[in-house]
Amino acid sequence: NQNMNTGTINAQAAGGACTGTFQVSVDGFATCLGGTVAFPTQTTANFTTAVGFCVDTQYTMQVKILNTVQSTNSVPMTATYSSSNTFTTQQALMRGGITAGSEVRALAISCNTLFVGGSFSQVTGAQTRNNLMAIDLTTGNLLGGSFGPPTFDTNGAVNALAIDGTQLVVGGSFTMAGGSPRTNLAAFNPTGTVTAWSPSTDAAVSALAVNTGTIYVGGAFAVAGGMSRKLVAAFASGTNAPNAFNASITGTGVVSAIGISGTTAILGGTFTGGTVGGNTRSYLAAVDAGTGSGTAFAAWCSSSPTFPVTSIVTFGGNVYFGGAFGGSACGIAFNYFGAISASSGGGAIGFANGVGTGAGNQVNTLSISPTNLYVGGQFSGAGAFVASVRNFGGATNLTGNLASWDPNFGSQVLTLANVGSSVFAGGMFSLVNGGTAASKIAIVDAMTGTLRP
C-alpha cells in the first residue's frame, strides 16, 4: 500500500540455501528457488524462477518477504510476510510412436523429459532413432538435435533406463553408445551427449536402479567394470570400477529386476540352483546394500517364488514384485504379483492373495504411485486380472484390490512409468482402448486408462 524502496528487495539468483529479503520455496524453506525480481511499478514486484517446474506435479509455493523491506519513506514492514498456495502443473503430453522396430522395453522420466529405450530404428515422421529417444513432455514432441543420432543412440537393444541426478543411465546389449565405444552400459548428459562413464560388462544388462549416488546393475554378466561380479554389481556414480557390493550369486540365470529400500537391495530374475549372499535362493532375494557386503538376509522370503521374478518396485517400506510365478511366492498364494515388507520379507502388509487375486499370466512390469500399483504383462481376457477383464494392463490399490484403470492394450506391455495424472506404457502393442492405434508406446490417464489425444 506504499511505494517500495526496490533497493531493499532482493532474491537469490540460483537455487539453494535461502538468502535475500524476497524468498520463494517449494520445500518449506529448506531451500529456495533462484530467480529474478522485476518492478513494473513501485507497488508491484514480479518474480521469475530461474528453473522451470516439472509437468504433472503438485507444488506448494511458499513466499516470504522479510521485514527489512522498506518503503521509499524508509518505513519497514511491520512483520515478515508469508503466504502459501498449492497448484498443479500441466498434464504431460506425448505424441508419436514407433514406426520401425519390434518393441519399447524401458521408460524413464526426468522432470519434463521422457526417455524411451528398446529395439527400434524409426519413430513418427520417419525420423531415425536407434534404440533411444527423448520426448519433451511439455509439448509431447520428439526432441531432436543432440537427442538424435549419432550423439544419442546405441547400436543394440536398450533393456533398462534409470535417472542418476541429471544423467540418464542406459543398460542393454550394445557395443557403441553416442558414437563412443560402450559395452552394455552407458550414461548421457542432460544435453544428450555420452559421458565418460564406461564400465563394460561381458554380457547383457537387464536391470538398473539408482540410490543416493550408487548405480545398481543386473544382467547375465560374470564380469562388470573389469572385476568378478556375477549377475549384479554396483558402481559409485561416474566410477568405472564396481564398489565393494557383491551378492556372490553362485547359480545360473539373470538378474532382471532390482529394487532398493533403505539399505536393502531386492533382486529378482531367473537365477536358480545356487546361493545369493550366502543363502540358497531362487528368483527373489534381498541383500544388504548398506555395508557394501551384499550379504543376504537369512529370513527374508525364505520360501522362494516358484518361477522367475521380472519386475520390482519399492514404496513406503514395502516391495512389490511381479513375474511368472503362479500361486506361490514367499510362502503366500500370490498369483503373478504380490507385495511384502521390504525389511522383513514377510506378508504382514495385507496385500491381497489367494483365489481371485493377482493376474492370470506373467507380469512383465510394475509402476507405482501413492495410490495405485500399475501392472503390465501377458494376461488378457475374462478373469485375467483380479477376477476381472483386463487386457495386458491393469491396476490395484496398494493393498492389491482392483482399481478402475483399464487401458485395454492389444498386446504385451513390457514397461510402465507414471507421473501425476499420466501413465506411460511401452511394449509390443499397436492398439489401446480396444481399437485406437498406438504403436509400441502410449500415454493414458492414470485413473481411467483412456488414451490421451
Protein backbone atom coordinates (compact mmCIF):
# COMPACT_ATOMS: atom_id res chain seq x y z
CA ASN A 1 0.00 0.00 0.00
CA GLN A 2 3.08 2.27 -0.28
CA ASN A 3 5.76 2.75 -2.86
CA MET A 4 8.59 0.26 -2.30
CA ASN A 5 12.24 1.00 -1.86
CA THR A 6 13.27 -1.53 -4.51
CA GLY A 7 16.85 -1.46 -3.30
CA THR A 8 15.75 -3.30 -0.14
CA ILE A 9 14.13 -6.15 -2.15
CA ASN A 10 16.43 -8.84 -3.49
CA ALA A 11 16.23 -12.54 -4.31
CA GLN A 12 18.92 -15.13 -4.86
CA ALA A 13 19.89 -15.79 -8.47
CA ALA A 14 20.45 -19.55 -8.05
CA GLY A 15 18.58 -22.18 -6.07
CA GLY A 16 19.95 -23.36 -2.73
CA ALA A 17 20.07 -22.20 0.88
CA CYS A 18 17.63 -19.33 1.37
CA THR A 19 19.07 -15.83 1.19
CA GLY A 20 17.76 -12.38 0.33
CA THR A 21 14.78 -10.40 1.52
CA PHE A 22 12.40 -11.96 -1.04
CA GLN A 23 12.30 -15.78 -0.77
CA VAL A 24 10.37 -18.38 -2.73
CA SER A 25 10.34 -22.07 -1.80
CA VAL A 26 8.56 -25.33 -2.59
CA ASP A 27 10.06 -27.34 0.30
CA GLY A 28 9.20 -25.38 3.42
CA PHE A 29 12.22 -23.09 3.06
CA ALA A 30 14.72 -25.90 3.41
CA THR A 31 15.91 -24.41 0.12
CA CYS A 32 14.77 -21.51 -2.03
CA LEU A 33 14.29 -21.11 -5.76
CA GLY A 34 16.63 -18.88 -7.69
CA GLY A 35 15.28 -16.18 -9.96
CA THR A 36 14.98 -12.52 -10.75
CA VAL A 37 12.77 -9.76 -9.37
CA ALA A 38 11.39 -7.05 -11.63
CA PHE A 39 9.34 -3.98 -10.67
CA PRO A 40 6.67 -2.97 -13.21
CA THR A 41 5.57 -0.25 -10.77
CA GLN A 42 6.75 0.92 -7.38
CA THR A 43 3.96 -1.10 -5.73
CA THR A 44 4.34 -4.32 -7.79
CA ALA A 45 7.07 -6.97 -7.86
CA ASN A 46 7.30 -9.91 -10.25
CA PHE A 47 9.48 -12.95 -9.52
CA THR A 48 10.61 -15.22 -12.38
CA THR A 49 12.15 -18.55 -11.41
CA ALA A 50 15.48 -19.49 -12.95
CA VAL A 51 14.41 -23.14 -13.35
CA GLY A 52 11.02 -24.26 -14.62
CA PHE A 53 8.63 -26.68 -12.95
CA CYS A 54 8.02 -30.30 -13.90
CA VAL A 55 4.81 -31.37 -15.64
CA ASP A 56 2.02 -33.22 -13.85
CA THR A 57 3.37 -32.28 -10.44
CA GLN A 58 1.70 -30.66 -7.44
CA TYR A 59 3.69 -27.90 -5.75
CA THR A 60 3.09 -25.90 -2.61
CA MET A 61 4.56 -22.50 -3.38
CA GLN A 62 5.63 -20.50 -0.34
CA VAL A 63 6.63 -16.84 -0.41
CA LYS A 64 8.38 -14.95 2.36
CA ILE A 65 9.23 -11.22 2.45
CA LEU A 66 11.42 -10.16 5.35
CA ASN A 67 10.52 -7.12 7.41
CA THR A 68 13.78 -5.45 6.42
CA VAL A 69 11.98 -4.40 3.25
CA GLN A 70 11.18 -0.70 3.37
CA SER A 71 9.03 1.86 1.67
CA THR A 72 10.51 4.81 -0.20
CA ASN A 73 9.94 6.75 3.02
CA SER A 74 12.27 4.29 4.86
CA VAL A 75 9.39 2.73 6.77
CA PRO A 76 9.98 -1.03 7.26
CA MET A 77 7.29 -3.66 7.07
CA THR A 78 5.75 -4.24 10.47
CA ALA A 79 6.36 -8.01 10.27
CA THR A 80 7.69 -10.69 7.93
CA TYR A 81 5.08 -11.54 5.30
CA SER A 82 4.42 -15.13 4.24
CA SER A 83 1.90 -16.92 2.03
CA SER A 84 1.35 -20.42 0.68
CA ASN A 85 -0.53 -21.63 -2.37
CA THR A 86 -0.81 -25.10 -3.94
CA PHE A 87 -1.00 -25.65 -7.67
CA THR A 88 -0.58 -28.48 -10.17
CA THR A 89 1.36 -28.03 -13.39
CA GLN A 90 0.09 -29.02 -16.83
CA GLN A 91 -0.58 -32.62 -17.81
CA ALA A 92 2.25 -34.45 -19.51
CA LEU A 93 1.92 -34.73 -23.29
CA MET A 94 3.26 -37.33 -25.70
CA ARG A 95 2.76 -37.57 -29.44
CA GLY A 96 4.19 -40.25 -31.66
CA GLY A 97 5.06 -43.91 -31.83
CA ILE A 98 7.48 -46.45 -33.22
CA THR A 99 7.27 -46.92 -36.97
CA ALA A 100 10.18 -49.36 -37.41
CA GLY A 101 11.26 -51.78 -34.72
CA SER A 102 9.90 -54.50 -32.53
CA GLU A 103 9.27 -53.06 -29.07
CA VAL A 104 9.71 -50.50 -26.31
CA ARG A 105 11.42 -52.09 -23.29
CA ALA A 106 12.27 -49.25 -20.92
CA LEU A 107 10.98 -45.83 -19.84
CA ALA A 108 12.40 -43.19 -17.51
CA ILE A 109 11.10 -39.72 -16.62
CA SER A 110 13.30 -36.78 -15.64
CA CYS A 111 11.13 -33.73 -14.93
CA ASN A 112 9.95 -32.68 -18.40
CA THR A 113 11.67 -35.37 -20.46
CA LEU A 114 10.52 -38.91 -21.17
CA PHE A 115 13.35 -41.24 -22.18
CA VAL A 116 12.42 -44.31 -24.21
CA GLY A 117 14.58 -47.38 -24.83
CA GLY A 118 14.05 -50.59 -26.72
CA SER A 119 14.63 -52.18 -30.08
CA PHE A 120 13.65 -49.71 -32.81
CA SER A 121 15.16 -47.63 -35.60
CA GLN A 122 12.45 -45.20 -36.70
CA VAL A 123 9.78 -43.14 -34.99
CA THR A 124 6.89 -40.91 -36.04
CA GLY A 125 7.60 -38.76 -39.07
CA ALA A 126 10.14 -41.26 -40.42
CA GLN A 127 12.78 -39.90 -38.06
CA THR A 128 15.74 -42.12 -37.26
CA ARG A 129 16.15 -43.08 -33.62
CA ASN A 130 18.38 -46.04 -32.84
CA ASN A 131 17.03 -47.77 -29.71
CA LEU A 132 16.82 -44.50 -27.75
CA MET A 133 14.65 -41.40 -27.97
CA ALA A 134 13.68 -38.44 -25.81
CA ILE A 135 10.30 -36.68 -25.71
CA ASP A 136 9.56 -33.18 -24.37
CA LEU A 137 6.58 -33.71 -22.05
CA THR A 138 5.56 -30.04 -22.15
CA THR A 139 4.85 -30.28 -25.90
CA GLY A 140 4.68 -34.02 -26.46
CA ASN A 141 7.14 -33.74 -29.33
CA LEU A 142 10.25 -35.74 -30.07
CA LEU A 143 13.46 -33.99 -29.05
CA GLY A 144 15.95 -33.51 -31.86
CA GLY A 145 19.42 -32.05 -32.25
CA SER A 146 21.80 -33.68 -29.80
CA PHE A 147 18.97 -36.01 -28.72
CA GLY A 148 19.15 -37.80 -32.05
CA PRO A 149 21.81 -39.96 -33.67
CA PRO A 150 24.74 -40.10 -33.65
CA THR A 151 25.04 -38.35 -30.25
CA PHE A 152 22.06 -40.06 -28.57
CA ASP A 153 21.75 -43.69 -29.62
CA THR A 154 23.10 -47.22 -29.24
CA ASN A 155 23.96 -49.90 -31.80
CA GLY A 156 21.98 -52.57 -29.94
CA ALA A 157 18.89 -53.02 -27.85
CA VAL A 158 18.27 -50.96 -24.70
CA ASN A 159 16.77 -53.04 -21.91
CA ALA A 160 16.86 -50.69 -18.91
CA LEU A 161 16.93 -46.96 -18.11
CA ALA A 162 17.46 -45.07 -14.85
CA ILE A 163 17.95 -41.46 -13.78
CA ASP A 164 21.08 -40.64 -11.78
CA GLY A 165 20.79 -36.99 -10.77
CA THR A 166 20.73 -35.15 -14.09
CA GLN A 167 22.16 -38.05 -16.09
CA LEU A 168 20.43 -40.89 -17.94
CA VAL A 169 21.90 -44.35 -17.31
CA VAL A 170 21.38 -46.90 -20.10
CA GLY A 171 21.76 -50.68 -19.96
CA GLY A 172 21.31 -53.25 -22.68
CA SER A 173 23.12 -55.23 -25.32
CA PHE A 174 25.32 -52.87 -27.32
CA THR A 175 28.94 -52.03 -28.09
CA MET A 176 28.51 -48.36 -29.04
CA ALA A 177 26.58 -45.53 -27.41
CA GLY A 178 26.51 -41.93 -28.54
CA GLY A 179 29.20 -42.68 -31.11
CA SER A 180 31.66 -43.96 -28.49
CA PRO A 181 32.68 -47.50 -27.50
CA ARG A 182 30.46 -48.60 -24.63
CA THR A 183 29.71 -52.23 -23.82
CA ASN A 184 26.23 -52.77 -22.37
CA LEU A 185 26.39 -49.73 -20.05
CA ALA A 186 26.49 -46.00 -20.77
CA ALA A 187 25.36 -42.66 -19.36
CA PHE A 188 24.22 -39.49 -21.13
CA ASN A 189 24.44 -35.86 -20.04
CA PRO A 190 21.35 -33.62 -19.88
CA THR A 191 22.45 -32.28 -23.28
CA GLY A 192 22.14 -35.72 -24.89
CA THR A 193 25.86 -36.43 -25.19
CA VAL A 194 27.52 -39.55 -23.79
CA THR A 195 29.53 -39.15 -20.57
CA ALA A 196 32.98 -40.55 -19.82
CA TRP A 197 31.48 -43.34 -17.69
CA SER A 198 32.36 -46.64 -19.38
CA PRO A 199 32.25 -49.74 -17.15
CA SER A 200 31.76 -52.63 -19.57
CA THR A 201 30.11 -55.96 -18.78
CA ASP A 202 30.79 -59.28 -20.52
CA ALA A 203 27.07 -59.95 -21.16
CA ALA A 204 23.83 -58.03 -21.47
CA VAL A 205 22.44 -55.70 -18.81
CA SER A 206 18.75 -56.20 -17.99
CA ALA A 207 18.11 -54.08 -14.88
CA LEU A 208 19.16 -50.75 -13.36
CA ALA A 209 18.42 -48.99 -10.08
CA VAL A 210 19.87 -45.80 -8.62
CA ASN A 211 20.07 -44.90 -4.96
CA THR A 212 21.95 -41.92 -3.45
CA GLY A 213 24.81 -41.85 -5.89
CA THR A 214 25.08 -45.61 -6.39
CA ILE A 215 24.10 -47.35 -9.64
CA TYR A 216 22.99 -50.97 -9.27
CA VAL A 217 23.27 -53.10 -12.41
CA GLY A 218 21.74 -56.51 -13.08
CA GLY A 219 22.02 -58.87 -16.00
CA ALA A 220 23.59 -62.02 -17.36
CA PHE A 221 27.22 -60.98 -16.86
CA ALA A 222 30.02 -62.51 -14.82
CA VAL A 223 32.42 -59.57 -15.13
CA ALA A 224 31.49 -55.90 -14.61
CA GLY A 225 33.90 -52.99 -14.69
CA GLY A 226 36.81 -55.40 -15.08
CA MET A 227 36.03 -57.28 -11.85
CA SER A 228 34.27 -60.51 -10.99
CA ARG A 229 30.63 -59.67 -10.29
CA LYS A 230 28.13 -62.35 -11.20
CA LEU A 231 24.71 -61.12 -12.35
CA VAL A 232 24.73 -57.97 -10.19
CA ALA A 233 27.15 -55.13 -9.45
CA ALA A 234 27.12 -51.62 -8.03
CA PHE A 235 29.05 -48.53 -9.09
CA ALA A 236 29.53 -45.14 -7.48
CA SER A 237 28.29 -42.54 -9.95
CA GLY A 238 30.95 -41.77 -12.54
CA THR A 239 33.27 -44.57 -11.39
CA ASN A 240 34.18 -47.35 -13.82
CA ALA A 241 35.20 -49.96 -11.22
CA PRO A 242 32.45 -51.55 -9.11
CA ASN A 243 32.31 -50.83 -5.39
CA ALA A 244 32.53 -53.46 -2.64
CA PHE A 245 28.91 -54.61 -3.06
CA ASN A 246 28.96 -58.27 -4.12
CA ALA A 247 25.96 -60.57 -3.79
CA SER A 248 28.17 -63.58 -4.68
CA ILE A 249 25.50 -65.33 -6.75
CA THR A 250 26.53 -68.92 -7.45
CA GLY A 251 23.59 -70.19 -9.51
CA THR A 252 22.73 -69.66 -13.15
CA GLY A 253 20.33 -67.23 -14.80
CA VAL A 254 19.84 -63.47 -14.99
CA VAL A 255 19.08 -60.63 -12.57
CA SER A 256 16.30 -58.83 -14.42
CA ALA A 257 14.87 -56.59 -11.67
CA ILE A 258 16.37 -54.56 -8.82
CA GLY A 259 14.60 -52.57 -6.11
CA ILE A 260 16.22 -50.52 -3.34
CA SER A 261 14.53 -49.87 0.00
CA GLY A 262 16.72 -48.14 2.56
CA THR A 263 19.82 -50.31 2.89
CA THR A 264 18.15 -53.38 1.36
CA ALA A 265 18.64 -54.36 -2.27
CA ILE A 266 15.94 -56.70 -3.60
CA LEU A 267 16.96 -58.80 -6.61
CA GLY A 268 14.61 -60.62 -8.97
CA GLY A 269 15.20 -62.71 -12.05
CA THR A 270 15.67 -66.17 -13.45
CA PHE A 271 18.61 -67.09 -11.18
CA THR A 272 18.34 -70.50 -9.56
CA GLY A 273 20.35 -73.51 -8.48
CA GLY A 274 22.67 -71.72 -6.07
CA THR A 275 23.08 -69.09 -3.40
CA VAL A 276 22.68 -65.32 -3.16
CA GLY A 277 24.73 -63.59 -0.48
CA GLY A 278 25.41 -66.98 1.07
CA ASN A 279 21.79 -68.18 1.33
CA THR A 280 20.05 -70.60 -1.02
CA ARG A 281 17.66 -68.55 -3.12
CA SER A 282 15.88 -68.77 -6.46
CA TYR A 283 14.19 -65.96 -8.39
CA LEU A 284 13.95 -63.46 -5.49
CA ALA A 285 16.41 -62.41 -2.78
CA ALA A 286 17.29 -59.48 -0.54
CA VAL A 287 20.83 -58.50 0.34
CA ASP A 288 22.49 -55.83 2.44
CA ALA A 289 23.29 -52.76 0.37
CA GLY A 290 24.20 -50.61 3.36
CA THR A 291 27.56 -52.08 4.30
CA GLY A 292 28.59 -52.90 0.76
CA SER A 293 28.88 -56.58 1.63
CA GLY A 294 25.93 -57.94 -0.35
CA THR A 295 25.19 -60.39 2.48
CA ALA A 296 21.73 -61.96 2.28
CA PHE A 297 19.08 -61.64 4.97
CA ALA A 298 18.53 -65.24 6.06
CA ALA A 299 14.84 -64.97 6.99
CA TRP A 300 13.83 -62.73 4.08
CA CYS A 301 11.35 -64.60 1.84
CA SER A 302 12.94 -67.93 2.69
CA SER A 303 10.32 -69.73 0.56
CA SER A 304 11.29 -68.65 -2.96
CA PRO A 305 8.75 -67.99 -5.72
CA THR A 306 8.01 -70.97 -7.94
CA PHE A 307 9.06 -69.19 -11.14
CA PRO A 308 11.05 -66.10 -12.21
CA VAL A 309 10.51 -62.52 -11.00
CA THR A 310 10.55 -59.93 -13.79
CA SER A 311 9.77 -56.61 -12.09
CA ILE A 312 10.29 -54.95 -8.69
CA VAL A 313 9.24 -51.58 -7.28
CA THR A 314 9.51 -50.31 -3.71
CA PHE A 315 7.33 -47.80 -1.90
CA GLY A 316 6.55 -46.94 1.71
CA GLY A 317 8.74 -49.65 3.17
CA ASN A 318 7.18 -52.39 1.03
CA VAL A 319 8.39 -54.26 -2.04
CA TYR A 320 6.01 -55.04 -4.91
CA PHE A 321 7.10 -57.75 -7.32
CA GLY A 322 5.71 -59.48 -10.39
CA GLY A 323 6.69 -62.28 -12.70
CA ALA A 324 5.87 -65.76 -13.93
CA PHE A 325 5.09 -67.33 -10.56
CA GLY A 326 1.55 -68.67 -10.34
CA GLY A 327 0.17 -69.17 -6.87
CA SER A 328 3.19 -69.19 -4.58
CA ALA A 329 5.83 -66.65 -3.58
CA CYS A 330 7.42 -66.20 -0.16
CA GLY A 331 5.02 -68.79 1.22
CA ILE A 332 1.97 -66.74 0.18
CA ALA A 333 -0.59 -67.50 -2.53
CA PHE A 334 0.43 -64.65 -4.83
CA ASN A 335 -0.66 -65.00 -8.44
CA TYR A 336 1.96 -63.39 -10.68
CA PHE A 337 2.34 -60.31 -8.47
CA GLY A 338 2.31 -59.51 -4.79
CA ALA A 339 3.78 -57.34 -2.04
CA ILE A 340 5.68 -57.93 1.19
CA SER A 341 7.60 -55.92 3.75
CA ALA A 342 10.91 -54.75 2.28
CA SER A 343 12.67 -55.05 5.63
CA SER A 344 11.37 -58.41 6.86
CA GLY A 345 10.33 -60.16 3.66
CA GLY A 346 7.02 -61.04 5.31
CA GLY A 347 3.45 -60.63 4.14
CA ALA A 348 2.08 -58.67 7.09
CA ILE A 349 1.21 -55.67 4.91
CA GLY A 350 -2.08 -57.37 3.96
CA PHE A 351 -1.67 -57.44 0.18
CA ALA A 352 -4.50 -59.42 -1.44
CA ASN A 353 -3.64 -63.05 -2.15
CA GLY A 354 -5.35 -66.32 -2.93
CA VAL A 355 -8.15 -67.20 -5.34
CA GLY A 356 -9.44 -64.29 -7.43
CA THR A 357 -6.43 -62.05 -6.83
CA GLY A 358 -3.38 -61.15 -8.87
CA ALA A 359 -3.12 -61.88 -12.58
CA GLY A 360 -3.78 -64.91 -14.75
CA ASN A 361 -0.49 -64.87 -16.62
CA GLN A 362 3.01 -63.42 -16.47
CA VAL A 363 3.53 -59.87 -15.23
CA ASN A 364 6.31 -58.06 -17.11
CA THR A 365 6.38 -54.67 -15.42
CA LEU A 366 5.17 -52.64 -12.44
CA SER A 367 4.96 -48.93 -11.72
CA ILE A 368 3.71 -47.30 -8.54
CA SER A 369 2.06 -44.08 -7.39
CA PRO A 370 0.96 -43.01 -3.89
CA THR A 371 -2.42 -44.68 -4.57
CA ASN A 372 -2.06 -47.26 -7.35
CA LEU A 373 0.10 -50.18 -8.45
CA TYR A 374 0.12 -50.29 -12.27
CA VAL A 375 0.68 -53.73 -13.78
CA GLY A 376 1.56 -54.73 -17.34
CA GLY A 377 2.16 -58.14 -18.80
CA GLN A 378 0.89 -61.08 -20.83
CA PHE A 379 -2.52 -61.55 -19.17
CA SER A 380 -5.76 -60.99 -21.09
CA GLY A 381 -9.43 -61.92 -21.19
CA ALA A 382 -12.11 -62.74 -18.64
CA GLY A 383 -10.82 -63.14 -15.09
CA ALA A 384 -7.29 -62.29 -16.17
CA PHE A 385 -6.72 -59.63 -13.51
CA VAL A 386 -8.22 -59.69 -10.00
CA ALA A 387 -11.08 -61.83 -11.35
CA SER A 388 -11.93 -59.14 -13.92
CA VAL A 389 -11.40 -58.48 -17.62
CA ARG A 390 -8.11 -56.68 -18.20
CA ASN A 391 -6.05 -56.98 -21.35
CA PHE A 392 -2.29 -56.71 -20.81
CA GLY A 393 -2.65 -53.89 -18.28
CA GLY A 394 -4.46 -53.32 -15.00
CA ALA A 395 -4.09 -51.64 -11.63
CA THR A 396 -4.80 -52.25 -7.97
CA ASN A 397 -4.63 -50.06 -4.92
CA LEU A 398 -1.61 -50.57 -2.69
CA THR A 399 -3.24 -53.47 -0.87
CA GLY A 400 -3.99 -55.40 -4.05
CA ASN A 401 -7.66 -54.57 -4.62
CA LEU A 402 -8.88 -53.84 -8.15
CA ALA A 403 -8.69 -50.23 -9.40
CA SER A 404 -10.66 -48.74 -12.29
CA TRP A 405 -7.64 -48.28 -14.60
CA ASP A 406 -8.38 -50.22 -17.80
CA PRO A 407 -6.29 -49.20 -20.84
CA ASN A 408 -7.18 -52.39 -22.79
CA PHE A 409 -3.97 -52.89 -24.74
CA GLY A 410 -3.84 -55.03 -27.88
CA SER A 411 -0.69 -56.93 -26.94
CA GLN A 412 2.03 -57.26 -24.31
CA VAL A 413 3.07 -54.33 -22.11
CA LEU A 414 6.79 -54.51 -21.29
CA THR A 415 7.37 -51.29 -19.35
CA LEU A 416 5.37 -48.69 -17.41
CA ALA A 417 6.15 -45.29 -15.88
CA ASN A 418 3.83 -42.78 -14.26
CA VAL A 419 3.80 -39.17 -13.12
CA GLY A 420 0.81 -37.29 -11.70
CA SER A 421 -2.26 -37.91 -13.87
CA SER A 422 -0.31 -39.70 -16.60
CA VAL A 423 0.82 -43.29 -17.17
CA PHE A 424 3.22 -44.15 -19.97
CA ALA A 425 3.26 -47.66 -21.39
CA GLY A 426 5.65 -49.32 -23.77
CA GLY A 427 5.68 -52.76 -25.28
CA MET A 428 4.65 -54.73 -28.33
CA PHE A 429 1.10 -53.38 -28.77
CA SER A 430 -0.33 -51.45 -31.70
CA LEU A 431 -3.78 -50.75 -30.20
CA VAL A 432 -5.00 -49.13 -26.98
CA ASN A 433 -8.54 -48.82 -25.54
CA GLY A 434 -9.59 -51.79 -27.64
CA GLY A 435 -9.13 -50.23 -31.07
CA THR A 436 -7.24 -46.92 -31.12
CA ALA A 437 -3.88 -47.01 -32.88
CA ALA A 438 -0.83 -46.53 -30.67
CA SER A 439 2.39 -48.07 -31.91
CA LYS A 440 4.55 -49.58 -29.13
CA ILE A 441 4.15 -46.57 -26.81
CA ALA A 442 1.21 -44.67 -25.33
CA ILE A 443 0.20 -42.15 -22.67
CA VAL A 444 -3.05 -42.84 -20.85
CA ASP A 445 -4.99 -41.31 -17.98
CA ALA A 446 -3.82 -42.57 -14.58
CA MET A 447 -7.36 -43.08 -13.29
CA THR A 448 -9.26 -44.50 -16.27
CA GLY A 449 -6.63 -45.73 -18.73
CA THR A 450 -8.12 -43.61 -21.53
CA LEU A 451 -5.63 -42.74 -24.27
CA ARG A 452 -4.61 -39.08 -24.24
CA PRO A 453 -5.15 -37.21 -27.54
